[in-house]
Amino acid sequence: MPSGAPLRPDLGWAAGTSLALLLVEDDAGDALLVNEVLADSGLPVDVTWCRSLAEARTAVSDAGQPECVLLDLHLPDTWGTTAVGRMREVTPDAAIVVLTGLAENEAGLTALAEGAQDYLAKDGLDAETLGRAIRYALQRKQVERHSVELQASRLRAAENARLERGLLPTPLLRDDDCTVATRYSPGRDHALLGGDFYDAVQTADGTVHAVIGDVSGHGAAEAALGVCLRVGWRAAVLSGCVGARQTHLLEEILTAERAADYVFATLLSLRLPPDRRHLHVVRAGHPGLLVHTRDTIELSEPPGGPALGLFADRSQWTETTLPADGVEAVTVFTDGLFEGVVGERRRLGEEGLLDLARSHRRLRGKDFVDAVVEEVTALTAPFGGLADDLAVLDLSWESTT
């Protein structure tokens, strides 16, 4: 009986449906016995016999990984339960059934602790017991493999969540006369970060700066680009770069960092001076803003220029000054808030969003943002839900009148 070759190539099962089984046994008589029991078990197996661990390593290298290994613990080149660990190095994905003597129950239990899926005594071995042991071992190995994959997936998800959560901004406010409330929902499944971005910073002179933007696309690259733009915006603010000049700088960052020439970003930035009497806005292809007074909410769309990354001519970007007397808050948002479908062939739209916002006009800050987002979410849920990234930033302050 030559080692390193199939024992019974004529088992009769169709090609491709048999179980690849590796028998590692140095005793030819025991190997023949196991093969005969396997033939009686009814399992569709294709057996390769090896006399030693070295032969097993060569067979695996030549023929590929087996699905199951029947392993004797007493081999010429390894002895005892250490054979299990060495066999797992050779066949990490295979289920291992250890073959022991009648007096080796303790060794069999130790083999399980070393990573084997089952053990059997060779003396008195019968077809039903061996067949059942192989099937159970395969199932246990599958469960073990899935458990390892699930744990690895959980660890990756937790690490990604920590990373993405760390990339979301914390507004930098120096005093409490202004408050910032935000909501963020990425369009990607199982993600915390999308291509939308926002931030708010109060500089030493008391001016409050805020930004919201939307990178085209929904993947990880767009999320990373959104982070680059947000960080670039904050650095520009803290260094005194504001207005249209700031927008030019952000476009330079976008064109340098984007993965393809067709990627663009919309953006709205604003600054509220310490006297709170005016609001300075730059709009680059972005939706307008909701302006809150004591009694109502209006949608303001200051003159704007093109989105970042679309045209070489930047002369259309200008800063617009809006009166802020009587204004108590402004809310900026990305188009994910109003592009969802809320009826048959009907999107919410900006006018629909305005009507919805006015129904919550008595609310301020986080209460207002949560109420609007939750109502939009509920309206779109029957029609597939929010399909795009969504970001909202609400800036509230004490009115000057």
Protein backbone atom coordinates (compact mmCIF):
# COMPACT_ATOMS: atom_id res chain seq x y z
CA MET A 1 0.00 0.00 0.00
CA PRO A 2 1.99 3.07 -1.19
CA SER A 3 1.90 6.09 1.08
CA GLY A 4 1.23 9.60 -0.24
CA ALA A 5 -1.43 8.35 -2.71
CA PRO A 6 -5.20 7.77 -2.54
CA LEU A 7 -6.04 4.45 -0.86
CA ARG A 8 -9.33 3.86 -2.67
CA PRO A 9 -9.81 5.94 -5.81
CA ASP A 10 -12.84 3.83 -6.79
CA LEU A 11 -15.26 4.77 -4.00
CA GLY A 12 -17.87 5.54 -6.64
CA TRP A 13 -18.97 9.11 -5.78
CA ALA A 14 -19.16 11.76 -8.46
CA ALA A 15 -16.08 13.87 -8.99
CA GLY A 16 -16.14 17.05 -6.96
CA THR A 17 -18.58 15.75 -4.35
CA SER A 18 -16.25 13.61 -2.25
CA LEU A 19 -14.71 14.71 1.03
CA ALA A 20 -10.95 15.27 0.88
CA LEU A 21 -9.61 13.30 3.84
CA LEU A 22 -6.00 12.99 4.93
CA LEU A 23 -5.08 9.90 6.95
CA VAL A 24 -1.78 10.32 8.83
CA GLU A 25 -0.90 6.87 10.19
CA ASP A 26 2.50 5.12 10.15
CA ASP A 27 1.10 1.61 10.60
CA ALA A 28 0.00 0.08 7.28
CA GLY A 29 -2.34 -2.38 8.98
CA ASP A 30 -4.13 0.36 10.91
CA ALA A 31 -4.32 2.46 7.74
CA LEU A 32 -5.98 -0.41 5.86
CA LEU A 33 -8.42 -0.94 8.73
CA VAL A 34 -9.42 2.74 8.78
CA ASN A 35 -9.86 2.74 5.02
CA GLU A 36 -12.17 -0.28 5.15
CA VAL A 37 -14.25 1.25 7.93
CA LEU A 38 -14.53 4.45 5.91
CA ALA A 39 -15.73 2.47 2.91
CA ASP A 40 -18.46 0.94 5.07
CA SER A 41 -19.49 4.29 6.57
CA GLY A 42 -21.22 5.56 3.44
CA LEU A 43 -19.29 8.83 3.52
CA PRO A 44 -18.19 10.13 0.08
CA VAL A 45 -14.47 10.38 0.87
CA ASP A 46 -11.30 10.65 -1.13
CA VAL A 47 -8.53 9.43 1.19
CA THR A 48 -4.85 10.24 0.97
CA TRP A 49 -2.60 8.21 3.28
CA CYS A 50 0.65 9.54 4.72
CA ARG A 51 3.02 7.75 7.11
CA SER A 52 4.46 10.87 8.76
CA LEU A 53 3.96 14.55 9.33
CA ALA A 54 6.60 15.30 6.71
CA GLU A 55 4.71 13.23 4.12
CA ALA A 56 1.49 14.98 5.12
CA ARG A 57 3.12 18.35 4.57
CA THR A 58 4.26 17.29 1.09
CA ALA A 59 0.82 15.88 0.22
CA VAL A 60 -0.91 19.09 1.27
CA SER A 61 1.59 21.14 -0.70
CA ASP A 62 0.92 19.03 -3.81
CA ALA A 63 -2.84 18.42 -3.54
CA GLY A 64 -4.13 21.29 -1.41
CA GLN A 65 -5.82 21.49 1.97
CA PRO A 66 -7.96 18.53 3.07
CA GLU A 67 -11.32 19.03 4.78
CA CYS A 68 -10.65 16.44 7.46
CA VAL A 69 -7.57 14.78 8.97
CA LEU A 70 -7.50 11.42 10.77
CA LEU A 71 -4.35 11.71 12.88
CA ASP A 72 -2.42 9.06 14.76
CA LEU A 73 -0.54 10.49 17.73
CA HIS A 74 2.49 8.20 17.34
CA LEU A 75 4.36 9.11 14.18
CA PRO A 76 8.02 8.74 13.25
CA ASP A 77 8.62 12.49 13.30
CA THR A 78 6.28 13.62 16.08
CA TRP A 79 4.91 12.03 19.22
CA GLY A 80 1.93 12.58 21.50
CA THR A 81 -0.45 15.48 21.48
CA THR A 82 2.16 17.83 20.03
CA ALA A 83 1.22 16.18 16.74
CA VAL A 84 -2.09 18.06 16.84
CA GLY A 85 -0.47 21.48 17.02
CA ARG A 86 1.98 20.62 14.27
CA MET A 87 -0.81 19.21 12.10
CA ARG A 88 -2.86 22.40 12.58
CA GLU A 89 0.11 24.36 11.24
CA VAL A 90 0.04 22.20 8.10
CA THR A 91 -3.77 22.11 7.71
CA PRO A 92 -5.20 25.13 9.58
CA ASP A 93 -8.65 24.85 8.00
CA ALA A 94 -9.15 21.09 8.37
CA ALA A 95 -11.16 19.31 11.06
CA ILE A 96 -8.88 16.93 12.99
CA VAL A 97 -9.99 13.60 14.47
CA VAL A 98 -7.30 12.00 16.60
CA LEU A 99 -6.90 8.19 16.53
CA THR A 100 -5.80 6.77 19.88
CA GLY A 101 -5.39 3.45 21.65
CA LEU A 102 -7.94 2.19 24.14
CA ALA A 103 -5.80 3.31 27.09
CA GLU A 104 -5.26 6.82 25.73
CA ASN A 105 -8.45 8.60 26.75
CA GLU A 106 -6.47 11.22 28.65
CA ALA A 107 -4.32 11.84 25.59
CA GLY A 108 -7.51 12.20 23.52
CA LEU A 109 -8.87 14.84 25.89
CA THR A 110 -5.53 16.65 25.79
CA ALA A 111 -5.69 16.53 21.98
CA LEU A 112 -9.06 18.33 22.12
CA ALA A 113 -7.46 21.03 24.24
CA GLU A 114 -4.72 21.32 21.61
CA GLY A 115 -7.29 22.02 18.88
CA ALA A 116 -8.57 18.66 17.62
CA GLN A 117 -12.31 18.41 17.01
CA ASP A 118 -12.73 14.80 18.21
CA TYR A 119 -10.85 11.60 19.13
CA LEU A 120 -11.56 7.91 18.65
CA ALA A 121 -9.97 4.65 19.80
CA LYS A 122 -8.71 2.59 16.86
CA ASP A 123 -9.48 -0.70 18.59
CA GLY A 124 -13.06 -1.69 17.91
CA LEU A 125 -13.57 1.13 15.42
CA ASP A 126 -16.82 0.78 13.47
CA ALA A 127 -18.29 2.56 10.46
CA GLU A 128 -21.12 4.32 12.28
CA THR A 129 -18.86 5.73 15.01
CA LEU A 130 -16.21 6.89 12.55
CA GLY A 131 -18.74 8.42 10.16
CA ARG A 132 -20.46 10.28 12.97
CA ALA A 133 -17.13 11.51 14.39
CA ILE A 134 -16.08 12.89 11.01
CA ARG A 135 -19.40 14.64 10.44
CA TYR A 136 -19.38 16.15 13.94
CA ALA A 137 -15.76 17.20 13.59
CA LEU A 138 -16.53 18.98 10.32
CA GLN A 139 -19.47 20.79 11.93
CA ARG A 140 -17.41 21.80 14.96
CA LYS A 141 -14.64 23.10 12.71
CA GLN A 142 -17.18 25.08 10.69
CA VAL A 143 -18.62 26.60 13.87
CA GLU A 144 -15.12 27.37 15.10
CA ARG A 145 -14.21 29.01 11.78
CA HIS A 146 -17.39 31.09 11.75
CA SER A 147 -16.80 32.13 15.36
CA VAL A 148 -13.29 33.28 14.52
CA GLU A 149 -14.55 35.19 11.48
CA LEU A 150 -17.36 36.75 13.49
CA GLN A 151 -15.00 37.84 16.22
CA ALA A 152 -12.58 39.29 13.66
CA SER A 153 -15.48 41.09 12.00
CA ARG A 154 -16.60 42.50 15.34
CA LEU A 155 -13.10 43.69 16.14
CA ARG A 156 -12.78 45.35 12.73
CA ALA A 157 -16.18 46.99 13.14
CA ALA A 158 -15.30 48.22 16.62
CA GLU A 159 -11.96 49.58 15.40
CA ASN A 160 -13.62 51.28 12.41
CA ALA A 161 -16.25 52.74 14.71
CA ARG A 162 -13.59 54.13 17.05
CA LEU A 163 -11.71 55.60 14.10
CA GLU A 164 -14.77 57.12 12.44
CA ARG A 165 -16.16 58.44 15.72
CA GLY A 166 -12.81 60.07 16.43
CA LEU A 167 -12.94 61.83 13.05
CA LEU A 168 -16.29 63.49 13.79
CA PRO A 169 -15.72 67.02 15.08
CA THR A 170 -16.26 68.47 18.52
CA PRO A 171 -17.37 72.12 18.15
CA LEU A 172 -14.81 74.50 19.62
CA LEU A 173 -16.74 77.22 21.48
CA ARG A 174 -15.10 79.56 23.98
CA ASP A 175 -18.22 80.78 25.82
CA ASP A 176 -21.84 79.77 26.29
CA ASP A 177 -23.68 82.61 24.54
CA CYS A 178 -23.86 80.41 21.42
CA THR A 179 -24.88 76.76 21.27
CA VAL A 180 -24.34 74.20 18.52
CA ALA A 181 -26.53 71.15 17.89
CA THR A 182 -25.75 68.57 15.21
CA ARG A 183 -27.04 65.36 13.66
CA TYR A 184 -25.10 63.09 11.35
CA SER A 185 -26.15 59.99 9.42
CA PRO A 186 -23.96 58.37 6.74
CA GLY A 187 -25.59 56.82 3.70
CA ARG A 188 -23.28 53.78 3.77
CA ASP A 189 -24.56 50.72 5.62
CA HIS A 190 -22.73 49.92 8.87
CA ALA A 191 -20.73 53.15 8.73
CA LEU A 192 -20.45 56.10 11.07
CA LEU A 193 -18.81 58.50 8.65
CA GLY A 194 -19.86 59.61 5.16
CA GLY A 195 -18.84 62.29 2.68
CA ASP A 196 -20.80 65.03 4.48
CA PHE A 197 -18.91 67.14 6.99
CA TYR A 198 -19.51 70.00 9.41
CA ASP A 199 -17.68 71.96 12.08
CA ALA A 200 -17.99 75.04 14.29
CA VAL A 201 -15.24 77.15 15.85
CA GLN A 202 -15.26 80.33 17.94
CA THR A 203 -12.11 82.40 17.57
CA ALA A 204 -10.49 84.49 20.29
CA ASP A 205 -12.31 87.68 19.20
CA GLY A 206 -15.70 86.02 19.86
CA THR A 207 -16.61 85.41 16.22
CA VAL A 208 -18.38 82.09 15.65
CA HIS A 209 -17.55 80.27 12.41
CA ALA A 210 -19.45 77.28 11.05
CA VAL A 211 -19.26 75.13 7.93
CA ILE A 212 -21.20 72.33 6.32
CA GLY A 213 -20.27 70.46 3.15
CA ASP A 214 -21.01 67.45 1.00
CA VAL A 215 -18.47 65.46 -1.03
CA SER A 216 -19.98 63.74 -4.07
CA GLY A 217 -20.21 59.97 -3.67
CA HIS A 218 -20.73 57.73 -0.66
CA GLY A 219 -17.63 55.58 -0.19
CA ALA A 220 -14.75 55.51 2.26
CA ALA A 221 -12.62 57.70 -0.03
CA GLU A 222 -15.30 60.40 -0.01
CA ALA A 223 -15.54 60.16 3.78
CA ALA A 224 -11.77 60.62 4.04
CA LEU A 225 -11.90 63.62 1.71
CA GLY A 226 -14.67 65.15 3.82
CA VAL A 227 -12.44 64.84 6.87
CA CYS A 228 -9.56 66.53 4.98
CA LEU A 229 -11.80 69.44 4.04
CA ARG A 230 -13.15 69.83 7.55
CA VAL A 231 -9.70 69.80 9.11
CA GLY A 232 -8.47 72.21 6.44
CA TRP A 233 -11.40 74.52 7.15
CA ARG A 234 -10.70 74.56 10.90
CA ALA A 235 -7.02 75.25 10.32
CA ALA A 236 -7.94 78.10 7.96
CA VAL A 237 -10.31 79.65 10.51
CA LEU A 238 -7.80 79.47 13.33
CA SER A 239 -5.14 81.06 11.12
CA GLY A 240 -7.44 83.95 10.16
CA CYS A 241 -8.31 82.83 6.62
CA VAL A 242 -12.04 83.53 6.06
CA GLY A 243 -14.53 84.39 3.33
CA ALA A 244 -13.91 83.67 -0.34
CA ARG A 245 -10.17 83.27 0.27
CA GLN A 246 -10.97 80.36 2.58
CA THR A 247 -13.09 78.73 -0.13
CA HIS A 248 -10.21 79.00 -2.62
CA LEU A 249 -7.96 77.23 -0.12
CA LEU A 250 -10.47 74.41 0.40
CA GLU A 251 -10.73 73.85 -3.34
CA GLU A 252 -6.96 73.48 -3.51
CA ILE A 253 -7.18 70.82 -0.81
CA LEU A 254 -9.99 69.04 -2.67
CA THR A 255 -8.19 68.96 -6.02
CA ALA A 256 -5.03 67.68 -4.34
CA GLU A 257 -6.72 64.97 -2.28
CA ARG A 258 -9.60 63.70 -4.45
CA ALA A 259 -9.33 60.24 -6.00
CA ALA A 260 -10.70 61.29 -9.42
CA ASP A 261 -11.17 64.51 -11.37
CA TYR A 262 -14.95 64.19 -11.35
CA VAL A 263 -15.18 64.34 -7.52
CA PHE A 264 -16.54 67.66 -6.26
CA ALA A 265 -17.89 69.09 -3.02
CA THR A 266 -20.55 71.61 -2.11
CA LEU A 267 -20.01 73.89 0.85
CA LEU A 268 -21.61 76.63 2.91
CA SER A 269 -19.55 78.54 5.45
CA LEU A 270 -20.71 81.33 7.73
CA ARG A 271 -19.35 83.58 10.44
CA LEU A 272 -21.23 85.44 13.12
CA PRO A 273 -19.32 88.44 14.57
CA PRO A 274 -19.40 89.18 18.31
CA ASP A 275 -22.12 91.87 17.97
CA ARG A 276 -24.45 89.23 16.40
CA ARG A 277 -25.93 91.86 14.06
CA HIS A 278 -24.76 90.41 10.76
CA LEU A 279 -24.15 86.99 9.30
CA HIS A 280 -21.48 86.52 6.60
CA VAL A 281 -22.11 83.60 4.25
CA VAL A 282 -20.18 81.96 1.42
CA ARG A 283 -22.10 79.38 -0.63
CA ALA A 284 -20.42 77.04 -3.12
CA GLY A 285 -23.05 74.94 -4.86
CA HIS A 286 -24.71 74.17 -1.53
CA PRO A 287 -28.35 74.47 -0.38
CA GLY A 288 -29.35 77.57 1.57
CA LEU A 289 -29.92 77.91 5.31
CA LEU A 290 -32.92 78.08 7.62
CA VAL A 291 -33.07 81.41 9.48
CA HIS A 292 -34.99 81.39 12.76
CA THR A 293 -36.65 84.45 14.28
CA ARG A 294 -38.93 84.52 17.29
CA ASP A 295 -42.09 83.79 15.26
CA THR A 296 -41.08 82.03 12.08
CA ILE A 297 -38.43 80.30 9.97
CA GLU A 298 -37.36 81.38 6.49
CA LEU A 299 -35.21 79.67 3.88
CA SER A 300 -32.39 81.99 2.84
CA GLU A 301 -30.40 81.33 -0.33
CA PRO A 302 -27.65 83.95 -0.60
CA PRO A 303 -25.91 84.33 -3.96
CA GLY A 304 -23.50 81.48 -4.49
CA GLY A 305 -20.78 80.17 -6.75
CA PRO A 306 -20.07 76.70 -8.17
CA ALA A 307 -19.20 73.66 -6.13
CA LEU A 308 -15.55 73.05 -5.30
CA GLY A 309 -13.67 71.15 -7.97
CA LEU A 310 -15.96 71.89 -10.93
CA PHE A 311 -14.44 74.97 -12.60
CA ALA A 312 -11.06 76.64 -12.72
CA ASP A 313 -12.64 80.12 -12.50
CA ARG A 314 -13.22 80.91 -8.82
CA SER A 315 -14.26 84.53 -9.25
CA GLN A 316 -17.92 83.68 -8.62
CA TRP A 317 -17.27 82.90 -4.95
CA THR A 318 -18.17 85.92 -2.89
CA GLU A 319 -19.17 86.53 0.70
CA THR A 320 -22.72 87.76 1.31
CA THR A 321 -23.68 89.74 4.41
CA LEU A 322 -27.14 89.11 5.85
CA PRO A 323 -28.78 91.17 8.62
CA ALA A 324 -29.06 89.18 11.85
CA ASP A 325 -31.11 91.56 14.02
CA GLY A 326 -33.97 89.53 15.46
CA VAL A 327 -32.39 86.26 14.32
CA GLU A 328 -32.11 83.64 17.08
CA ALA A 329 -30.65 80.71 15.17
CA VAL A 330 -29.62 79.39 11.79
CA THR A 331 -29.71 75.79 10.62
CA VAL A 332 -27.51 74.51 7.81
CA PHE A 333 -27.85 71.06 6.27
CA THR A 334 -26.85 68.81 3.40
CA ASP A 335 -29.23 67.72 0.65
CA GLY A 336 -29.75 64.33 2.29
CA LEU A 337 -32.25 66.08 4.56
CA PHE A 338 -34.66 67.01 1.77
CA GLU A 339 -33.96 64.67 -1.18
CA GLY A 340 -35.72 61.65 0.29
CA VAL A 341 -38.93 60.36 -1.32
CA VAL A 342 -42.03 61.09 0.81
CA GLY A 343 -44.78 60.14 -1.64
CA GLU A 344 -45.44 58.54 -5.00
CA ARG A 345 -42.78 60.08 -7.29
CA ARG A 346 -42.45 63.03 -4.90
CA ARG A 347 -39.40 64.19 -2.99
CA LEU A 348 -39.63 66.33 0.11
CA GLY A 349 -37.68 69.18 -1.49
CA GLU A 350 -36.52 72.40 0.12
CA GLU A 351 -40.01 73.92 0.27
CA GLY A 352 -41.31 70.77 1.93
CA LEU A 353 -38.44 70.93 4.40
CA LEU A 354 -39.28 74.57 5.16
CA ASP A 355 -42.91 73.70 5.90
CA LEU A 356 -41.80 70.85 8.11
CA ALA A 357 -39.29 73.07 9.93
CA ARG A 358 -41.96 75.72 10.55
CA SER A 359 -44.13 73.11 12.26
CA HIS A 360 -41.33 72.85 14.87
CA ARG A 361 -40.52 76.57 15.03
CA ARG A 362 -41.08 76.75 18.81
CA LEU A 363 -38.18 74.37 19.37
CA ARG A 364 -34.55 75.39 19.56
CA GLY A 365 -31.18 73.72 19.28
CA LYS A 366 -31.01 69.96 19.71
CA ASP A 367 -34.77 69.64 20.18
CA PHE A 368 -35.39 71.33 16.83
CA VAL A 369 -32.76 69.33 14.97
CA ASP A 370 -33.93 66.01 16.39
CA ALA A 371 -37.60 66.76 15.65
CA VAL A 372 -36.89 67.69 12.02
CA VAL A 373 -34.57 64.74 11.32
CA GLU A 374 -36.88 62.24 12.96
CA GLU A 375 -39.91 63.50 11.04
CA VAL A 376 -38.02 63.39 7.74
CA THR A 377 -36.85 59.88 8.58
CA ALA A 378 -40.41 58.78 9.33
CA LEU A 379 -41.78 60.34 6.14
CA THR A 380 -39.18 58.63 3.94
CA ALA A 381 -39.25 55.24 5.71
CA PRO A 382 -42.16 53.79 3.63
CA PHE A 383 -40.30 54.70 0.43
CA GLY A 384 -36.86 53.28 1.20
CA GLY A 385 -35.70 55.72 3.87
CA LEU A 386 -32.86 58.22 3.66
CA ALA A 387 -30.70 57.21 0.70
CA ASP A 388 -27.97 59.84 1.10
CA ASP A 389 -25.59 61.07 3.75
CA LEU A 390 -27.22 63.58 6.06
CA ALA A 391 -25.66 66.31 8.19
CA VAL A 392 -27.37 69.11 10.11
CA LEU A 393 -25.81 71.90 12.17
CA ASP A 394 -27.89 74.37 14.18
CA LEU A 395 -26.30 77.50 15.62
CA SER A 396 -28.35 79.36 18.25
CA TRP A 397 -27.63 82.57 20.15
CA GLU A 398 -29.32 85.36 22.09
CA SER A 399 -30.99 87.78 19.70
CA THR A 400 -29.81 91.41 19.74
CA THR A 401 -33.44 92.65 19.69
